[in-house]
Amino acid sequence: MKFAGLHKSDDRVFAEITYVRGPNGELVPVLCGTRLRVQTVVIAAQKWGFSPNQIAAEYDLSEAQVNDVLAFYAAHSQEIDASIAAEQIIEAANV
């Protein structure tokens, strides 16, 4: 299903995740009803050591939403890790 630049995920297991086009034109997974990228939640959990409860408080989400995002990450970690790494390279080059 498409609407205003958004693409509903075909993965019925993760119905709470949808996709938006990023600045480079690639599809980026986000939490439905928000523009919060999956990789933002992953970075908060892994790099900053935030618990699901802390992430929920930081981004005004329910803990269930955070756990849904982390479950999506667990199923798609290679793609999301590659996206995080590519973004870090770009950021380092622009510093």
N, C-alpha and C. Protein backbone atom coordinates (compact mmCIF):
# COMPACT_ATOMS: atom_id res chain seq x y z
N MET A 1 0.84 -1.17 0.00
CA MET A 1 0.00 0.00 0.00
C MET A 1 0.89 1.24 0.00
N LYS A 2 0.62 2.20 -0.87
CA LYS A 2 1.40 3.42 -0.94
C LYS A 2 0.52 4.60 -0.58
N PHE A 3 1.09 5.57 0.11
CA PHE A 3 0.40 6.82 0.36
C PHE A 3 1.41 7.89 0.72
N ALA A 4 1.37 8.99 -0.01
CA ALA A 4 2.21 10.17 0.22
C ALA A 4 3.67 9.83 0.52
N GLY A 5 4.27 9.01 -0.30
CA GLY A 5 5.68 8.72 -0.14
C GLY A 5 5.99 7.60 0.83
N LEU A 6 4.98 7.04 1.48
CA LEU A 6 5.20 5.95 2.42
C LEU A 6 4.88 4.63 1.74
N HIS A 7 5.55 3.60 2.13
CA HIS A 7 5.33 2.27 1.60
C HIS A 7 5.09 1.33 2.76
N LYS A 8 3.92 0.72 2.80
CA LYS A 8 3.61 -0.22 3.86
C LYS A 8 4.44 -1.48 3.65
N SER A 9 5.02 -1.96 4.69
CA SER A 9 5.82 -3.17 4.62
C SER A 9 4.96 -4.36 4.22
N ASP A 10 5.48 -5.21 3.38
CA ASP A 10 4.77 -6.43 3.01
C ASP A 10 4.92 -7.50 4.07
N ASP A 11 5.78 -7.27 5.04
CA ASP A 11 6.06 -8.23 6.09
C ASP A 11 4.98 -8.14 7.16
N ARG A 12 4.03 -9.04 7.12
CA ARG A 12 2.91 -8.99 8.06
C ARG A 12 3.32 -9.28 9.50
N VAL A 13 4.49 -9.87 9.68
CA VAL A 13 4.99 -10.13 11.03
C VAL A 13 5.30 -8.82 11.75
N PHE A 14 5.72 -7.81 10.99
CA PHE A 14 6.11 -6.52 11.55
C PHE A 14 5.22 -5.40 11.00
N ALA A 15 3.94 -5.53 11.24
CA ALA A 15 2.98 -4.57 10.70
C ALA A 15 3.18 -3.16 11.28
N GLU A 16 3.88 -3.05 12.40
CA GLU A 16 4.10 -1.75 13.03
C GLU A 16 5.26 -0.98 12.40
N ILE A 17 5.93 -1.60 11.44
CA ILE A 17 7.04 -0.95 10.73
C ILE A 17 6.59 -0.62 9.32
N THR A 18 6.89 0.59 8.91
CA THR A 18 6.62 1.02 7.54
C THR A 18 7.91 1.61 6.99
N TYR A 19 7.88 2.08 5.77
CA TYR A 19 9.08 2.60 5.14
C TYR A 19 8.83 4.00 4.58
N VAL A 20 9.83 4.85 4.69
CA VAL A 20 9.81 6.18 4.07
C VAL A 20 11.05 6.29 3.21
N ARG A 21 11.00 7.16 2.24
CA ARG A 21 12.19 7.40 1.41
C ARG A 21 13.11 8.36 2.15
N GLY A 22 14.36 7.92 2.28
CA GLY A 22 15.37 8.76 2.91
C GLY A 22 15.87 9.81 1.93
N PRO A 23 16.77 10.68 2.36
CA PRO A 23 17.29 11.74 1.50
C PRO A 23 18.00 11.22 0.25
N ASN A 24 18.55 10.01 0.35
CA ASN A 24 19.24 9.43 -0.80
C ASN A 24 18.31 8.60 -1.68
N GLY A 25 17.01 8.59 -1.36
CA GLY A 25 16.03 7.87 -2.17
C GLY A 25 15.80 6.44 -1.74
N GLU A 26 16.60 5.94 -0.82
CA GLU A 26 16.43 4.56 -0.35
C GLU A 26 15.31 4.49 0.67
N LEU A 27 14.67 3.32 0.73
CA LEU A 27 13.62 3.11 1.72
C LEU A 27 14.25 2.88 3.09
N VAL A 28 13.68 3.54 4.09
CA VAL A 28 14.19 3.48 5.46
C VAL A 28 13.06 2.98 6.36
N PRO A 29 13.29 1.93 7.16
CA PRO A 29 12.23 1.45 8.05
C PRO A 29 12.04 2.40 9.23
N VAL A 30 10.76 2.73 9.49
CA VAL A 30 10.39 3.60 10.61
C VAL A 30 9.21 2.98 11.35
N LEU A 31 9.02 3.43 12.58
CA LEU A 31 7.87 3.00 13.37
C LEU A 31 6.63 3.69 12.82
N CYS A 32 5.58 2.92 12.53
CA CYS A 32 4.33 3.48 12.00
C CYS A 32 3.84 4.63 12.87
N GLY A 33 3.33 5.66 12.22
CA GLY A 33 2.78 6.80 12.93
C GLY A 33 3.82 7.77 13.43
N THR A 34 5.08 7.49 13.14
CA THR A 34 6.19 8.35 13.56
C THR A 34 7.16 8.47 12.39
N ARG A 35 8.14 9.28 12.53
CA ARG A 35 9.25 9.33 11.58
C ARG A 35 10.50 8.76 12.25
N LEU A 36 10.32 8.04 13.36
CA LEU A 36 11.44 7.48 14.12
C LEU A 36 12.00 6.27 13.39
N ARG A 37 13.26 6.39 12.99
CA ARG A 37 13.90 5.31 12.25
C ARG A 37 14.24 4.15 13.19
N VAL A 38 14.14 2.96 12.66
CA VAL A 38 14.52 1.76 13.41
C VAL A 38 15.96 1.90 13.89
N GLN A 39 16.83 2.37 13.03
CA GLN A 39 18.24 2.45 13.41
C GLN A 39 18.46 3.44 14.55
N THR A 40 17.62 4.43 14.73
CA THR A 40 17.75 5.35 15.86
C THR A 40 17.52 4.61 17.17
N VAL A 41 16.52 3.75 17.20
CA VAL A 41 16.23 2.95 18.39
C VAL A 41 17.37 1.97 18.65
N VAL A 42 17.88 1.38 17.59
CA VAL A 42 18.98 0.42 17.73
C VAL A 42 20.22 1.10 18.31
N ILE A 43 20.54 2.29 17.81
CA ILE A 43 21.70 3.03 18.33
C ILE A 43 21.49 3.37 19.80
N ALA A 44 20.28 3.79 20.15
CA ALA A 44 19.99 4.11 21.55
C ALA A 44 20.20 2.89 22.44
N ALA A 45 19.80 1.72 21.96
CA ALA A 45 19.92 0.50 22.74
C ALA A 45 21.37 0.02 22.80
N GLN A 46 22.04 0.00 21.65
CA GLN A 46 23.37 -0.60 21.59
C GLN A 46 24.50 0.36 21.97
N LYS A 47 24.50 1.53 21.39
CA LYS A 47 25.61 2.46 21.60
C LYS A 47 25.47 3.21 22.92
N TRP A 48 24.26 3.64 23.23
CA TRP A 48 24.05 4.43 24.43
C TRP A 48 23.66 3.57 25.63
N GLY A 49 23.33 2.29 25.40
CA GLY A 49 23.00 1.38 26.49
C GLY A 49 21.64 1.64 27.14
N PHE A 50 20.73 2.30 26.41
CA PHE A 50 19.41 2.57 26.95
C PHE A 50 18.59 1.28 27.02
N SER A 51 17.79 1.15 28.06
CA SER A 51 16.84 0.03 28.17
C SER A 51 15.61 0.38 27.33
N PRO A 52 14.77 -0.62 27.01
CA PRO A 52 13.52 -0.32 26.29
C PRO A 52 12.69 0.75 27.01
N ASN A 53 12.67 0.70 28.33
CA ASN A 53 11.91 1.69 29.10
C ASN A 53 12.50 3.10 28.91
N GLN A 54 13.82 3.20 28.93
CA GLN A 54 14.48 4.50 28.73
C GLN A 54 14.26 5.03 27.32
N ILE A 55 14.31 4.14 26.34
CA ILE A 55 14.07 4.55 24.95
C ILE A 55 12.63 5.04 24.81
N ALA A 56 11.69 4.31 25.40
CA ALA A 56 10.28 4.71 25.35
C ALA A 56 10.10 6.11 25.92
N ALA A 57 10.73 6.38 27.05
CA ALA A 57 10.61 7.69 27.68
C ALA A 57 11.27 8.78 26.81
N GLU A 58 12.42 8.48 26.26
CA GLU A 58 13.16 9.45 25.45
C GLU A 58 12.40 9.86 24.18
N TYR A 59 11.72 8.90 23.55
CA TYR A 59 11.06 9.15 22.27
C TYR A 59 9.54 9.16 22.35
N ASP A 60 9.00 9.23 23.57
CA ASP A 60 7.55 9.28 23.79
C ASP A 60 6.83 8.12 23.11
N LEU A 61 7.30 6.91 23.41
CA LEU A 61 6.73 5.67 22.86
C LEU A 61 6.30 4.79 24.02
N SER A 62 5.56 3.74 23.68
CA SER A 62 5.29 2.71 24.67
C SER A 62 6.47 1.73 24.65
N GLU A 63 6.65 1.03 25.75
CA GLU A 63 7.70 0.02 25.78
C GLU A 63 7.41 -1.08 24.75
N ALA A 64 6.14 -1.37 24.51
CA ALA A 64 5.76 -2.36 23.50
C ALA A 64 6.22 -1.92 22.11
N GLN A 65 6.09 -0.63 21.80
CA GLN A 65 6.55 -0.13 20.50
C GLN A 65 8.07 -0.31 20.37
N VAL A 66 8.79 -0.01 21.42
CA VAL A 66 10.25 -0.17 21.40
C VAL A 66 10.60 -1.64 21.19
N ASN A 67 9.93 -2.52 21.89
CA ASN A 67 10.19 -3.95 21.73
C ASN A 67 9.84 -4.43 20.33
N ASP A 68 8.79 -3.88 19.72
CA ASP A 68 8.45 -4.21 18.32
C ASP A 68 9.58 -3.81 17.38
N VAL A 69 10.11 -2.61 17.59
CA VAL A 69 11.22 -2.14 16.75
C VAL A 69 12.45 -3.02 16.94
N LEU A 70 12.76 -3.37 18.17
CA LEU A 70 13.92 -4.22 18.42
C LEU A 70 13.74 -5.63 17.86
N ALA A 71 12.50 -6.12 17.85
CA ALA A 71 12.23 -7.43 17.22
C ALA A 71 12.43 -7.35 15.71
N PHE A 72 12.00 -6.24 15.11
CA PHE A 72 12.23 -6.03 13.67
C PHE A 72 13.73 -6.00 13.40
N TYR A 73 14.46 -5.29 14.24
CA TYR A 73 15.92 -5.24 14.08
C TYR A 73 16.53 -6.64 14.15
N ALA A 74 16.09 -7.44 15.11
CA ALA A 74 16.63 -8.79 15.26
C ALA A 74 16.45 -9.60 13.97
N ALA A 75 15.36 -9.37 13.27
CA ALA A 75 15.08 -10.10 12.03
C ALA A 75 15.80 -9.50 10.82
N HIS A 76 16.22 -8.25 10.92
CA HIS A 76 16.81 -7.54 9.77
C HIS A 76 18.12 -6.85 10.15
N SER A 77 18.85 -7.43 11.08
CA SER A 77 20.03 -6.77 11.63
C SER A 77 21.12 -6.50 10.61
N GLN A 78 21.32 -7.40 9.66
CA GLN A 78 22.39 -7.18 8.68
C GLN A 78 22.15 -5.92 7.87
N GLU A 79 20.92 -5.74 7.38
CA GLU A 79 20.61 -4.56 6.57
C GLU A 79 20.70 -3.28 7.40
N ILE A 80 20.18 -3.33 8.61
CA ILE A 80 20.17 -2.13 9.46
C ILE A 80 21.59 -1.80 9.92
N ASP A 81 22.37 -2.81 10.28
CA ASP A 81 23.76 -2.57 10.66
C ASP A 81 24.55 -1.96 9.50
N ALA A 82 24.30 -2.43 8.29
CA ALA A 82 24.98 -1.88 7.11
C ALA A 82 24.59 -0.42 6.89
N SER A 83 23.33 -0.10 7.11
CA SER A 83 22.86 1.28 6.98
C SER A 83 23.50 2.18 8.03
N ILE A 84 23.59 1.70 9.27
CA ILE A 84 24.22 2.46 10.34
C ILE A 84 25.69 2.71 10.01
N ALA A 85 26.38 1.68 9.54
CA ALA A 85 27.81 1.80 9.21
C ALA A 85 28.02 2.79 8.06
N ALA A 86 27.17 2.73 7.05
CA ALA A 86 27.29 3.65 5.92
C ALA A 86 27.07 5.09 6.37
N GLU A 87 26.11 5.29 7.23
CA GLU A 87 25.83 6.64 7.74
C GLU A 87 27.00 7.16 8.57
N GLN A 88 27.62 6.29 9.35
CA GLN A 88 28.77 6.71 10.16
C GLN A 88 29.94 7.12 9.29
N ILE A 89 30.14 6.44 8.18
CA ILE A 89 31.22 6.78 7.25
C ILE A 89 30.95 8.17 6.65
N ILE A 90 29.72 8.41 6.26
CA ILE A 90 29.36 9.70 5.68
C ILE A 90 29.54 10.81 6.71
N GLU A 91 29.09 10.57 7.94
CA GLU A 91 29.24 11.57 8.99
C GLU A 91 30.70 11.86 9.28
N ALA A 92 31.53 10.83 9.33
CA ALA A 92 32.96 11.02 9.59
C ALA A 92 33.63 11.83 8.50
N ALA A 93 33.20 11.63 7.27
CA ALA A 93 33.77 12.35 6.14
C ALA A 93 33.38 13.82 6.12
N ASN A 94 32.27 14.14 6.77
CA ASN A 94 31.76 15.51 6.77
C ASN A 94 32.13 16.28 8.04
N VAL A 95 32.98 15.72 8.87
CA VAL A 95 33.36 16.40 10.12
C VAL A 95 34.57 17.28 9.89
